[in-house]
Amino acid sequence: MVACIRRMVVGHKKWLDDASFRGGIALCRMVPGATAMQSAAFVALVLKVEIYRVVIAGIIVSIILI
């Protein structure tokens, strides 16, 4: 399952680079529980942070332009 997540996140969508994904997987393996579920949560957390950065940047630009 982790291989499928990696293929989609690193290969197809290019949301993360391979080093970041591997670091996240290493962190997920240290925590008890299902690695596949935790790796999906890790990717979602990283993407959520990136989306917030884009939204905040957009708000700042719109305030500056107004």
Protein backbone atom coordinates (compact mmCIF):
# COMPACT_ATOMS: atom_id res chain seq x y z
CA MET A 1 0.00 0.00 0.00
CA VAL A 2 2.84 2.41 0.80
CA ALA A 3 4.30 1.71 -2.64
CA CYS A 4 1.00 2.74 -4.26
CA ILE A 5 0.91 5.94 -2.21
CA ARG A 6 4.53 6.67 -3.16
CA ARG A 7 3.83 6.05 -6.84
CA MET A 8 0.94 8.49 -6.81
CA VAL A 9 2.48 11.18 -4.57
CA VAL A 10 6.05 11.15 -5.91
CA GLY A 11 5.62 9.75 -9.41
CA HIS A 12 2.29 10.88 -10.85
CA LYS A 13 1.26 13.97 -8.90
CA LYS A 14 4.79 15.16 -7.96
CA TRP A 15 3.47 16.57 -4.68
CA LEU A 16 6.62 15.51 -2.79
CA ASP A 17 10.14 14.64 -3.81
CA ASP A 18 11.49 11.19 -3.04
CA ALA A 19 13.67 12.31 -0.13
CA SER A 20 10.77 14.02 1.66
CA PHE A 21 8.54 11.00 1.16
CA ARG A 22 11.20 8.62 2.46
CA GLY A 23 11.73 10.82 5.51
CA GLY A 24 8.01 10.80 6.19
CA ILE A 25 7.86 7.01 5.83
CA ALA A 26 10.77 6.62 8.25
CA LEU A 27 8.89 8.76 10.76
CA CYS A 28 5.68 6.77 10.21
CA ARG A 29 7.48 3.47 10.81
CA MET A 30 8.71 4.66 14.21
CA VAL A 31 5.17 5.35 15.41
CA PRO A 32 2.99 2.36 16.32
CA GLY A 33 0.13 1.65 13.96
CA ALA A 34 -0.52 1.07 10.28
CA THR A 35 2.26 2.60 8.20
CA ALA A 36 0.05 3.04 5.13
CA MET A 37 -2.54 5.03 7.03
CA GLN A 38 0.10 7.15 8.72
CA SER A 39 1.91 7.81 5.45
CA ALA A 40 -1.35 8.99 3.86
CA ALA A 41 -1.91 11.27 6.86
CA PHE A 42 1.68 12.57 6.54
CA VAL A 43 1.14 13.45 2.87
CA ALA A 44 -2.16 15.15 3.71
CA LEU A 45 -0.48 17.17 6.46
CA VAL A 46 2.34 18.29 4.18
CA LEU A 47 -0.08 19.24 1.40
CA LYS A 48 -2.36 21.04 3.82
CA VAL A 49 0.55 23.17 4.99
CA GLU A 50 1.41 23.98 1.37
CA ILE A 51 -2.21 24.87 0.56
CA TYR A 52 -2.36 27.18 3.58
CA ARG A 53 0.80 28.91 2.37
CA VAL A 54 -0.78 29.51 -1.04
CA VAL A 55 -4.03 30.78 0.50
CA ILE A 56 -2.21 33.11 2.90
CA ALA A 57 -0.02 34.43 0.07
CA GLY A 58 -3.14 35.06 -2.00
CA ILE A 59 -4.81 36.94 0.85
CA ILE A 60 -1.72 39.09 1.40
CA VAL A 61 -1.47 39.91 -2.31
CA SER A 62 -5.17 40.77 -2.50
CA ILE A 63 -4.86 43.06 0.56
CA ILE A 64 -1.86 44.79 -0.97
CA LEU A 65 -3.69 45.29 -4.28
CA ILE A 66 -6.80 46.72 -2.62
